[in-house]
């Protein structure tokens, strides 16, 4: 007759590795970091800049200059914000592509 191992009941105290948050192993769950508003705003500005450049390239039509005046203070602020958003997107994409530890 087989005897029961007394240590079998202690396994319940070991956290389940499949529960998430652990990296490594075949059953690991990798949780993705959600983008915040600080990430979405530059992405939105980058899309606006991309659309504007597409219009300039296709139709020689600068939407930002048309709406806010050619090289007005507001147009310059928008161009600067789009440029800074492009730099931030480089940082964000490098951060998102890093392998989790």
PDB file of N, CA and C in Angstrom:
ATOM      1  N   UNK A   1       0.832  -1.167   0.000  1.00  0.00           N
ATOM      2  CA  UNK A   1       0.000   0.000   0.000  1.00  0.00           C
ATOM      3  C   UNK A   1       0.885   1.242   0.000  1.00  0.00           C
ATOM      4  N   UNK A   2       0.572   2.198  -0.839  1.00  0.00           N
ATOM      5  CA  UNK A   2       1.371   3.416  -0.936  1.00  0.00           C
ATOM      6  C   UNK A   2       1.031   4.362   0.195  1.00  0.00           C
ATOM      7  N   UNK A   3       2.061   5.029   0.675  1.00  0.00           N
ATOM      8  CA  UNK A   3       1.835   6.001   1.750  1.00  0.00           C
ATOM      9  C   UNK A   3       1.755   7.399   1.160  1.00  0.00           C
ATOM     10  N   UNK A   4       1.021   8.272   1.773  1.00  0.00           N
ATOM     11  CA  UNK A   4       0.858   9.646   1.297  1.00  0.00           C
ATOM     12  C   UNK A   4       2.021  10.494   1.803  1.00  0.00           C
ATOM     13  N   UNK A   5       2.574  11.291   0.940  1.00  0.00           N
ATOM     14  CA  UNK A   5       3.677  12.169   1.298  1.00  0.00           C
ATOM     15  C   UNK A   5       3.123  13.329   2.134  1.00  0.00           C
ATOM     16  N   UNK A   6       3.591  13.559   3.357  1.00  0.00           N
ATOM     17  CA  UNK A   6       3.050  14.626   4.202  1.00  0.00           C
ATOM     18  C   UNK A   6       3.339  16.026   3.651  1.00  0.00           C
ATOM     19  N   UNK A   7       4.295  16.185   2.753  1.00  0.00           N
ATOM     20  CA  UNK A   7       4.630  17.497   2.201  1.00  0.00           C
ATOM     21  C   UNK A   7       3.705  17.920   1.064  1.00  0.00           C
ATOM     22  N   UNK A   8       2.828  17.051   0.620  1.00  0.00           N
ATOM     23  CA  UNK A   8       1.943  17.371  -0.497  1.00  0.00           C
ATOM     24  C   UNK A   8       1.008  18.534  -0.160  1.00  0.00           C
ATOM     25  N   UNK A   9       0.553  18.629   1.076  1.00  0.00           N
ATOM     26  CA  UNK A   9      -0.380  19.692   1.437  1.00  0.00           C
ATOM     27  C   UNK A   9       0.311  21.054   1.482  1.00  0.00           C
ATOM     28  N   UNK A  10       1.615  21.116   1.613  1.00  0.00           N
ATOM     29  CA  UNK A  10       2.345  22.384   1.680  1.00  0.00           C
ATOM     30  C   UNK A  10       2.415  23.082   0.337  1.00  0.00           C
ATOM     31  N   UNK A  11       2.167  22.397  -0.743  1.00  0.00           N
ATOM     32  CA  UNK A  11       2.241  22.998  -2.080  1.00  0.00           C
ATOM     33  C   UNK A  11       1.240  24.131  -2.243  1.00  0.00           C
ATOM     34  N   UNK A  12       0.146  24.077  -1.510  1.00  0.00           N
ATOM     35  CA  UNK A  12      -0.874  25.121  -1.625  1.00  0.00           C
ATOM     36  C   UNK A  12      -0.336  26.494  -1.241  1.00  0.00           C
ATOM     37  N   UNK A  13       0.714  26.546  -0.476  1.00  0.00           N
ATOM     38  CA  UNK A  13       1.278  27.813  -0.019  1.00  0.00           C
ATOM     39  C   UNK A  13       2.233  28.441  -1.022  1.00  0.00           C
ATOM     40  N   UNK A  14       2.566  27.717  -2.052  1.00  0.00           N
ATOM     41  CA  UNK A  14       3.455  28.242  -3.093  1.00  0.00           C
ATOM     42  C   UNK A  14       2.606  28.978  -4.111  1.00  0.00           C
ATOM     43  N   UNK A  15       2.902  30.260  -4.393  1.00  0.00           N
ATOM     44  CA  UNK A  15       2.075  30.997  -5.359  1.00  0.00           C
ATOM     45  C   UNK A  15       2.141  30.363  -6.744  1.00  0.00           C
ATOM     46  N   UNK A  16       1.017  30.391  -7.422  1.00  0.00           N
ATOM     47  CA  UNK A  16       0.941  29.836  -8.772  1.00  0.00           C
ATOM     48  C   UNK A  16       1.713  30.737  -9.727  1.00  0.00           C
ATOM     49  N   UNK A  17       2.662  30.191 -10.442  1.00  0.00           N
ATOM     50  CA  UNK A  17       3.492  30.979 -11.359  1.00  0.00           C
ATOM     51  C   UNK A  17       2.715  31.489 -12.556  1.00  0.00           C
ATOM     52  N   UNK A  18       1.611  30.836 -12.876  1.00  0.00           N
ATOM     53  CA  UNK A  18       0.818  31.258 -14.027  1.00  0.00           C
ATOM     54  C   UNK A  18      -0.092  32.431 -13.709  1.00  0.00           C
ATOM     55  N   UNK A  19      -0.114  32.908 -12.498  1.00  0.00           N
ATOM     56  CA  UNK A  19      -1.023  33.971 -12.085  1.00  0.00           C
ATOM     57  C   UNK A  19      -0.667  35.311 -12.724  1.00  0.00           C
ATOM     58  N   UNK A  20       0.536  35.465 -13.215  1.00  0.00           N
ATOM     59  CA  UNK A  20       0.920  36.706 -13.893  1.00  0.00           C
ATOM     60  C   UNK A  20       1.957  37.471 -13.098  1.00  0.00           C
ATOM     61  N   UNK A  21       2.597  38.398 -13.808  1.00  0.00           N
ATOM     62  CA  UNK A  21       3.581  39.249 -13.184  1.00  0.00           C
ATOM     63  C   UNK A  21       4.978  38.669 -13.157  1.00  0.00           C
ATOM     64  N   UNK A  22       5.131  37.374 -13.330  1.00  0.00           N
ATOM     65  CA  UNK A  22       6.453  36.752 -13.340  1.00  0.00           C
ATOM     66  C   UNK A  22       6.942  36.651 -14.780  1.00  0.00           C
ATOM     67  N   UNK A  23       8.215  36.919 -14.966  1.00  0.00           N
ATOM     68  CA  UNK A  23       8.792  36.823 -16.307  1.00  0.00           C
ATOM     69  C   UNK A  23       9.693  35.603 -16.362  1.00  0.00           C
ATOM     70  N   UNK A  24       9.605  34.916 -17.449  1.00  0.00           N
ATOM     71  CA  UNK A  24      10.425  33.732 -17.622  1.00  0.00           C
ATOM     72  C   UNK A  24       9.582  32.484 -17.485  1.00  0.00           C
ATOM     73  N   UNK A  25      10.061  31.429 -18.055  1.00  0.00           N
ATOM     74  CA  UNK A  25       9.330  30.175 -17.982  1.00  0.00           C
ATOM     75  C   UNK A  25       8.297  30.085 -19.085  1.00  0.00           C
ATOM     76  N   UNK A  26       7.835  28.885 -19.337  1.00  0.00           N
ATOM     77  CA  UNK A  26       6.911  28.654 -20.448  1.00  0.00           C
ATOM     78  C   UNK A  26       5.527  29.224 -20.168  1.00  0.00           C
ATOM     79  N   UNK A  27       5.132  29.319 -18.903  1.00  0.00           N
ATOM     80  CA  UNK A  27       3.785  29.769 -18.576  1.00  0.00           C
ATOM     81  C   UNK A  27       3.741  31.213 -18.100  1.00  0.00           C
ATOM     82  N   UNK A  28       4.793  31.973 -18.302  1.00  0.00           N
ATOM     83  CA  UNK A  28       4.837  33.351 -17.819  1.00  0.00           C
ATOM     84  C   UNK A  28       3.868  34.228 -18.602  1.00  0.00           C
ATOM     85  N   UNK A  29       3.269  35.157 -17.892  1.00  0.00           N
ATOM     86  CA  UNK A  29       2.366  36.116 -18.506  1.00  0.00           C
ATOM     87  C   UNK A  29       3.081  37.459 -18.517  1.00  0.00           C
ATOM     88  N   UNK A  30       3.222  38.049 -19.682  1.00  0.00           N
ATOM     89  CA  UNK A  30       3.889  39.336 -19.799  1.00  0.00           C
ATOM     90  C   UNK A  30       2.812  40.407 -19.863  1.00  0.00           C
ATOM     91  N   UNK A  31       2.850  41.325 -18.919  1.00  0.00           N
ATOM     92  CA  UNK A  31       1.852  42.385 -18.881  1.00  0.00           C
ATOM     93  C   UNK A  31       2.399  43.597 -19.610  1.00  0.00           C
ATOM     94  N   UNK A  32       1.601  44.161 -20.506  1.00  0.00           N
ATOM     95  CA  UNK A  32       2.019  45.320 -21.272  1.00  0.00           C
ATOM     96  C   UNK A  32       1.651  46.582 -20.516  1.00  0.00           C
ATOM     97  N   UNK A  33       2.525  47.572 -20.591  1.00  0.00           N
ATOM     98  CA  UNK A  33       2.256  48.856 -19.965  1.00  0.00           C
ATOM     99  C   UNK A  33       1.320  49.639 -20.866  1.00  0.00           C
ATOM    100  N   UNK A  34       0.273  50.180 -20.298  1.00  0.00           N
ATOM    101  CA  UNK A  34      -0.697  50.951 -21.065  1.00  0.00           C
ATOM    102  C   UNK A  34      -0.142  52.340 -21.326  1.00  0.00           C
ATOM    103  N   UNK A  35      -0.514  52.889 -22.471  1.00  0.00           N
ATOM    104  CA  UNK A  35      -0.090  54.243 -22.801  1.00  0.00           C
ATOM    105  C   UNK A  35      -0.929  55.241 -22.003  1.00  0.00           C
ATOM    106  N   UNK A  36      -0.292  56.258 -21.478  1.00  0.00           N
ATOM    107  CA  UNK A  36      -0.974  57.291 -20.712  1.00  0.00           C
ATOM    108  C   UNK A  36      -1.322  58.466 -21.620  1.00  0.00           C
ATOM    109  N   UNK A  37      -2.009  59.442 -21.064  1.00  0.00           N
ATOM    110  CA  UNK A  37      -2.338  60.653 -21.828  1.00  0.00           C
ATOM    111  C   UNK A  37      -1.058  61.358 -22.276  1.00  0.00           C
ATOM    112  N   UNK A  38      -0.025  61.279 -21.446  1.00  0.00           N
ATOM    113  CA  UNK A  38       1.260  61.882 -21.806  1.00  0.00           C
ATOM    114  C   UNK A  38       1.896  61.174 -23.011  1.00  0.00           C
ATOM    115  N   UNK A  39       1.487  59.953 -23.286  1.00  0.00           N
ATOM    116  CA  UNK A  39       1.962  59.225 -24.462  1.00  0.00           C
ATOM    117  C   UNK A  39       1.047  59.469 -25.658  1.00  0.00           C
ATOM    118  N   UNK A  40      -0.269  59.569 -25.426  1.00  0.00           N
ATOM    119  CA  UNK A  40      -1.227  59.722 -26.523  1.00  0.00           C
ATOM    120  C   UNK A  40      -1.188  61.109 -27.156  1.00  0.00           C
ATOM    121  N   UNK A  41      -0.985  62.154 -26.361  1.00  0.00           N
ATOM    122  CA  UNK A  41      -0.971  63.516 -26.910  1.00  0.00           C
ATOM    123  C   UNK A  41       0.134  63.693 -27.946  1.00  0.00           C
ATOM    124  N   UNK A  42       1.368  63.284 -27.660  1.00  0.00           N
ATOM    125  CA  UNK A  42       2.393  63.386 -28.715  1.00  0.00           C
ATOM    126  C   UNK A  42       2.072  62.534 -29.939  1.00  0.00           C
ATOM    127  N   UNK A  43       1.443  61.375 -29.740  1.00  0.00           N
ATOM    128  CA  UNK A  43       1.072  60.543 -30.885  1.00  0.00           C
ATOM    129  C   UNK A  43       0.014  61.250 -31.744  1.00  0.00           C
ATOM    130  N   UNK A  44      -0.918  61.923 -31.102  1.00  0.00           N
ATOM    131  CA  UNK A  44      -1.933  62.678 -31.830  1.00  0.00           C
ATOM    132  C   UNK A  44      -1.295  63.830 -32.610  1.00  0.00           C
ATOM    133  N   UNK A  45      -0.389  64.554 -31.969  1.00  0.00           N
ATOM    134  CA  UNK A  45       0.313  65.641 -32.661  1.00  0.00           C
ATOM    135  C   UNK A  45       1.150  65.112 -33.817  1.00  0.00           C
ATOM    136  N   UNK A  46       1.733  63.951 -33.631  1.00  0.00           N
ATOM    137  CA  UNK A  46       2.528  63.339 -34.700  1.00  0.00           C
ATOM    138  C   UNK A  46       1.647  62.970 -35.883  1.00  0.00           C
ATOM    139  N   UNK A  47       0.446  62.483 -35.608  1.00  0.00           N
ATOM    140  CA  UNK A  47      -0.496  62.172 -36.691  1.00  0.00           C
ATOM    141  C   UNK A  47      -0.913  63.447 -37.424  1.00  0.00           C
ATOM    142  N   UNK A  48      -1.180  64.511 -36.677  1.00  0.00           N
ATOM    143  CA  UNK A  48      -1.539  65.787 -37.303  1.00  0.00           C
ATOM    144  C   UNK A  48      -0.396  66.276 -38.192  1.00  0.00           C
ATOM    145  N   UNK A  49       0.825  66.177 -37.690  1.00  0.00           N
ATOM    146  CA  UNK A  49       1.983  66.582 -38.493  1.00  0.00           C
ATOM    147  C   UNK A  49       2.157  65.720 -39.728  1.00  0.00           C
ATOM    148  N   UNK A  50       1.924  64.436 -39.588  1.00  0.00           N
ATOM    149  CA  UNK A  50       2.028  63.538 -40.741  1.00  0.00           C
ATOM    150  C   UNK A  50       0.989  63.842 -41.800  1.00  0.00           C
ATOM    151  N   UNK A  51      -0.233  64.110 -41.349  1.00  0.00           N
ATOM    152  CA  UNK A  51      -1.293  64.473 -42.304  1.00  0.00           C
ATOM    153  C   UNK A  51      -0.950  65.786 -42.991  1.00  0.00           C
ATOM    154  N   UNK A  52      -0.447  66.752 -42.222  1.00  0.00           N
ATOM    155  CA  UNK A  52      -0.084  68.043 -42.807  1.00  0.00           C
ATOM    156  C   UNK A  52       1.016  67.878 -43.856  1.00  0.00           C
ATOM    157  N   UNK A  53       2.042  67.075 -43.540  1.00  0.00           N
ATOM    158  CA  UNK A  53       3.121  66.851 -44.510  1.00  0.00           C
ATOM    159  C   UNK A  53       2.613  66.099 -45.733  1.00  0.00           C
ATOM    160  N   UNK A  54       1.679  65.190 -45.536  1.00  0.00           N
ATOM    161  CA  UNK A  54       1.084  64.497 -46.683  1.00  0.00           C
ATOM    162  C   UNK A  54       0.358  65.462 -47.597  1.00  0.00           C
ATOM    163  N   UNK A  55      -0.375  66.404 -46.997  1.00  0.00           N
ATOM    164  CA  UNK A  55      -1.067  67.419 -47.800  1.00  0.00           C
ATOM    165  C   UNK A  55      -0.077  68.329 -48.523  1.00  0.00           C
ATOM    166  N   UNK A  56       1.017  68.674 -47.852  1.00  0.00           N
ATOM    167  CA  UNK A  56       2.040  69.515 -48.494  1.00  0.00           C
ATOM    168  C   UNK A  56       2.651  68.767 -49.677  1.00  0.00           C
ATOM    169  N   UNK A  57       2.976  67.501 -49.479  1.00  0.00           N
ATOM    170  CA  UNK A  57       3.607  66.722 -50.546  1.00  0.00           C
ATOM    171  C   UNK A  57       2.681  66.445 -51.718  1.00  0.00           C
ATOM    172  N   UNK A  58       1.428  66.148 -51.427  1.00  0.00           N
ATOM    173  CA  UNK A  58       0.495  65.797 -52.502  1.00  0.00           C
ATOM    174  C   UNK A  58      -0.091  67.009 -53.225  1.00  0.00           C
ATOM    175  N   UNK A  59      -0.462  68.026 -52.440  1.00  0.00           N
ATOM    176  CA  UNK A  59      -1.230  69.129 -53.018  1.00  0.00           C
ATOM    177  C   UNK A  59      -0.597  70.504 -52.815  1.00  0.00           C
ATOM    178  N   UNK A  60       0.604  70.534 -52.234  1.00  0.00           N
ATOM    179  CA  UNK A  60       1.259  71.797 -51.920  1.00  0.00           C
ATOM    180  C   UNK A  60       0.331  72.670 -51.063  1.00  0.00           C
ATOM    181  N   UNK A  61      -0.346  72.041 -50.102  1.00  0.00           N
ATOM    182  CA  UNK A  61      -1.319  72.715 -49.242  1.00  0.00           C
ATOM    183  C   UNK A  61      -0.921  72.499 -47.782  1.00  0.00           C
ATOM    184  N   UNK A  62      -0.565  73.588 -47.092  1.00  0.00           N
ATOM    185  CA  UNK A  62      -0.173  73.532 -45.685  1.00  0.00           C
ATOM    186  C   UNK A  62      -1.392  73.879 -44.839  1.00  0.00           C
ATOM    187  N   UNK A  63      -2.002  72.855 -44.253  1.00  0.00           N
ATOM    188  CA  UNK A  63      -3.228  73.036 -43.480  1.00  0.00           C
ATOM    189  C   UNK A  63      -3.000  73.893 -42.238  1.00  0.00           C
ATOM    190  N   UNK A  64      -1.885  73.684 -41.551  1.00  0.00           N
ATOM    191  CA  UNK A  64      -1.592  74.466 -40.345  1.00  0.00           C
ATOM    192  C   UNK A  64      -1.457  75.946 -40.696  1.00  0.00           C
ATOM    193  N   UNK A  65      -0.735  76.253 -41.759  1.00  0.00           N
ATOM    194  CA  UNK A  65      -0.569  77.652 -42.183  1.00  0.00           C
ATOM    195  C   UNK A  65      -1.897  78.248 -42.624  1.00  0.00           C
ATOM    196  N   UNK A  66      -2.739  77.457 -43.274  1.00  0.00           N
ATOM    197  CA  UNK A  66      -4.044  77.944 -43.715  1.00  0.00           C
ATOM    198  C   UNK A  66      -4.937  78.267 -42.523  1.00  0.00           C
ATOM    199  N   UNK A  67      -4.930  77.396 -41.508  1.00  0.00           N
ATOM    200  CA  UNK A  67      -5.801  77.599 -40.351  1.00  0.00           C
ATOM    201  C   UNK A  67      -5.301  78.683 -39.408  1.00  0.00           C
ATOM    202  N   UNK A  68      -3.999  78.755 -39.199  1.00  0.00           N
ATOM    203  CA  UNK A  68      -3.471  79.627 -38.152  1.00  0.00           C
ATOM    204  C   UNK A  68      -2.572  80.752 -38.662  1.00  0.00           C
ATOM    205  N   UNK A  69      -2.394  80.861 -39.950  1.00  0.00           N
ATOM    206  CA  UNK A  69      -1.545  81.909 -40.517  1.00  0.00           C
ATOM    207  C   UNK A  69      -0.154  81.397 -40.802  1.00  0.00           C
ATOM    208  N   UNK A  70       0.394  81.846 -41.923  1.00  0.00           N
ATOM    209  CA  UNK A  70       1.718  81.378 -42.327  1.00  0.00           C
ATOM    210  C   UNK A  70       2.776  81.938 -41.398  1.00  0.00           C
ATOM    211  N   UNK A  71       3.435  81.038 -40.680  1.00  0.00           N
ATOM    212  CA  UNK A  71       4.496  81.332 -39.717  1.00  0.00           C
ATOM    213  C   UNK A  71       4.048  82.314 -38.636  1.00  0.00           C
ATOM    214  N   UNK A  72       2.766  82.266 -38.279  1.00  0.00           N
ATOM    215  CA  UNK A  72       2.287  83.049 -37.134  1.00  0.00           C
ATOM    216  C   UNK A  72       2.816  82.402 -35.855  1.00  0.00           C
ATOM    217  N   UNK A  73       2.632  83.072 -34.753  1.00  0.00           N
ATOM    218  CA  UNK A  73       3.106  82.517 -33.487  1.00  0.00           C
ATOM    219  C   UNK A  73       2.468  81.169 -33.175  1.00  0.00           C
ATOM    220  N   UNK A  74       1.163  81.048 -33.430  1.00  0.00           N
ATOM    221  CA  UNK A  74       0.467  79.789 -33.158  1.00  0.00           C
ATOM    222  C   UNK A  74       0.934  78.672 -34.098  1.00  0.00           C
ATOM    223  N   UNK A  75       1.154  79.016 -35.374  1.00  0.00           N
ATOM    224  CA  UNK A  75       1.664  78.012 -36.320  1.00  0.00           C
ATOM    225  C   UNK A  75       3.031  77.511 -35.895  1.00  0.00           C
ATOM    226  N   UNK A  76       3.875  78.423 -35.463  1.00  0.00           N
ATOM    227  CA  UNK A  76       5.223  78.031 -35.029  1.00  0.00           C
ATOM    228  C   UNK A  76       5.148  77.121 -33.801  1.00  0.00           C
ATOM    229  N   UNK A  77       4.242  77.431 -32.877  1.00  0.00           N
ATOM    230  CA  UNK A  77       4.080  76.586 -31.684  1.00  0.00           C
ATOM    231  C   UNK A  77       3.630  75.183 -32.094  1.00  0.00           C
ATOM    232  N   UNK A  78       2.713  75.096 -33.041  1.00  0.00           N
ATOM    233  CA  UNK A  78       2.236  73.792 -33.509  1.00  0.00           C
ATOM    234  C   UNK A  78       3.372  73.026 -34.179  1.00  0.00           C
ATOM    235  N   UNK A  79       4.157  73.701 -35.025  1.00  0.00           N
ATOM    236  CA  UNK A  79       5.286  73.026 -35.684  1.00  0.00           C
ATOM    237  C   UNK A  79       6.300  72.538 -34.651  1.00  0.00           C
ATOM    238  N   UNK A  80       6.573  73.350 -33.634  1.00  0.00           N
ATOM    239  CA  UNK A  80       7.518  72.945 -32.584  1.00  0.00           C
ATOM    240  C   UNK A  80       6.959  71.758 -31.807  1.00  0.00           C
ATOM    241  N   UNK A  81       5.658  71.796 -31.475  1.00  0.00           N
ATOM    242  CA  UNK A  81       5.040  70.691 -30.723  1.00  0.00           C
ATOM    243  C   UNK A  81       5.083  69.395 -31.526  1.00  0.00           C
ATOM    244  N   UNK A  82       4.862  69.481 -32.840  1.00  0.00           N
ATOM    245  CA  UNK A  82       4.920  68.285 -33.686  1.00  0.00           C
ATOM    246  C   UNK A  82       6.354  67.746 -33.728  1.00  0.00           C
ATOM    247  N   UNK A  83       7.331  68.638 -33.827  1.00  0.00           N
ATOM    248  CA  UNK A  83       8.733  68.201 -33.825  1.00  0.00           C
ATOM    249  C   UNK A  83       9.131  67.544 -32.518  1.00  0.00           C
ATOM    250  N   UNK A  84       8.710  68.134 -31.391  1.00  0.00           N
ATOM    251  CA  UNK A  84       9.003  67.528 -30.092  1.00  0.00           C
ATOM    252  C   UNK A  84       8.286  66.195 -29.934  1.00  0.00           C
ATOM    253  N   UNK A  85       7.092  66.095 -30.497  1.00  0.00           N
ATOM    254  CA  UNK A  85       6.352  64.828 -30.454  1.00  0.00           C
ATOM    255  C   UNK A  85       7.079  63.739 -31.227  1.00  0.00           C
ATOM    256  N   UNK A  86       7.693  64.119 -32.340  1.00  0.00           N
ATOM    257  CA  UNK A  86       8.467  63.141 -33.112  1.00  0.00           C
ATOM    258  C   UNK A  86       9.647  62.624 -32.289  1.00  0.00           C
ATOM    259  N   UNK A  87      10.323  63.513 -31.580  1.00  0.00           N
ATOM    260  CA  UNK A  87      11.437  63.083 -30.725  1.00  0.00           C
ATOM    261  C   UNK A  87      10.932  62.192 -29.592  1.00  0.00           C
ATOM    262  N   UNK A  88       9.802  62.568 -29.001  1.00  0.00           N
ATOM    263  CA  UNK A  88       9.235  61.748 -27.928  1.00  0.00           C
ATOM    264  C   UNK A  88       8.817  60.376 -28.445  1.00  0.00           C
ATOM    265  N   UNK A  89       8.324  60.312 -29.671  1.00  0.00           N
ATOM    266  CA  UNK A  89       7.909  59.013 -30.219  1.00  0.00           C
ATOM    267  C   UNK A  89       9.108  58.085 -30.396  1.00  0.00           C
ATOM    268  N   UNK A  90      10.274  58.649 -30.698  1.00  0.00           N
ATOM    269  CA  UNK A  90      11.481  57.820 -30.764  1.00  0.00           C
ATOM    270  C   UNK A  90      11.792  57.224 -29.394  1.00  0.00           C
ATOM    271  N   UNK A  91      11.689  58.056 -28.355  1.00  0.00           N
ATOM    272  CA  UNK A  91      11.909  57.571 -26.997  1.00  0.00           C
ATOM    273  C   UNK A  91      10.865  56.510 -26.625  1.00  0.00           C
ATOM    274  N   UNK A  92       9.593  56.793 -26.917  1.00  0.00           N
ATOM    275  CA  UNK A  92       8.511  55.876 -26.571  1.00  0.00           C
ATOM    276  C   UNK A  92       8.655  54.538 -27.283  1.00  0.00           C
ATOM    277  N   UNK A  93       9.004  54.570 -28.556  1.00  0.00           N
ATOM    278  CA  UNK A  93       9.148  53.311 -29.292  1.00  0.00           C
ATOM    279  C   UNK A  93      10.329  52.505 -28.778  1.00  0.00           C
ATOM    280  N   UNK A  94      11.411  53.170 -28.368  1.00  0.00           N
ATOM    281  CA  UNK A  94      12.535  52.421 -27.810  1.00  0.00           C
ATOM    282  C   UNK A  94      12.166  51.837 -26.462  1.00  0.00           C
ATOM    283  N   UNK A  95      11.368  52.566 -25.672  1.00  0.00           N
ATOM    284  CA  UNK A  95      10.924  52.067 -24.376  1.00  0.00           C
ATOM    285  C   UNK A  95       9.992  50.875 -24.532  1.00  0.00           C
ATOM    286  N   UNK A  96       9.119  50.923 -25.534  1.00  0.00           N
ATOM    287  CA  UNK A  96       8.163  49.838 -25.753  1.00  0.00           C
ATOM    288  C   UNK A  96       8.831  48.597 -26.341  1.00  0.00           C
ATOM    289  N   UNK A  97       9.933  48.774 -27.056  1.00  0.00           N
ATOM    290  CA  UNK A  97      10.571  47.627 -27.687  1.00  0.00           C
ATOM    291  C   UNK A  97      11.555  46.914 -26.782  1.00  0.00           C
ATOM    292  N   UNK A  98      11.863  47.475 -25.630  1.00  0.00           N
ATOM    293  CA  UNK A  98      12.775  46.808 -24.702  1.00  0.00           C
ATOM    294  C   UNK A  98      12.158  45.530 -24.185  1.00  0.00           C
ATOM    295  N   UNK A  99      12.988  44.537 -24.013  1.00  0.00           N
ATOM    296  CA  UNK A  99      12.523  43.265 -23.453  1.00  0.00           C
ATOM    297  C   UNK A  99      12.338  43.439 -21.960  1.00  0.00           C
ATOM    298  N   UNK A 100      11.259  42.897 -21.402  1.00  0.00           N
ATOM    299  CA  UNK A 100      11.079  42.985 -19.941  1.00  0.00           C
ATOM    300  C   UNK A 100      12.101  42.134 -19.236  1.00  0.00           C
ATOM    301  N   UNK A 101      12.449  42.531 -18.009  1.00  0.00           N
ATOM    302  CA  UNK A 101      13.444  41.753 -17.277  1.00  0.00           C
ATOM    303  C   UNK A 101      12.808  40.545 -16.691  1.00  0.00           C
TER     304      UNK A 101
END
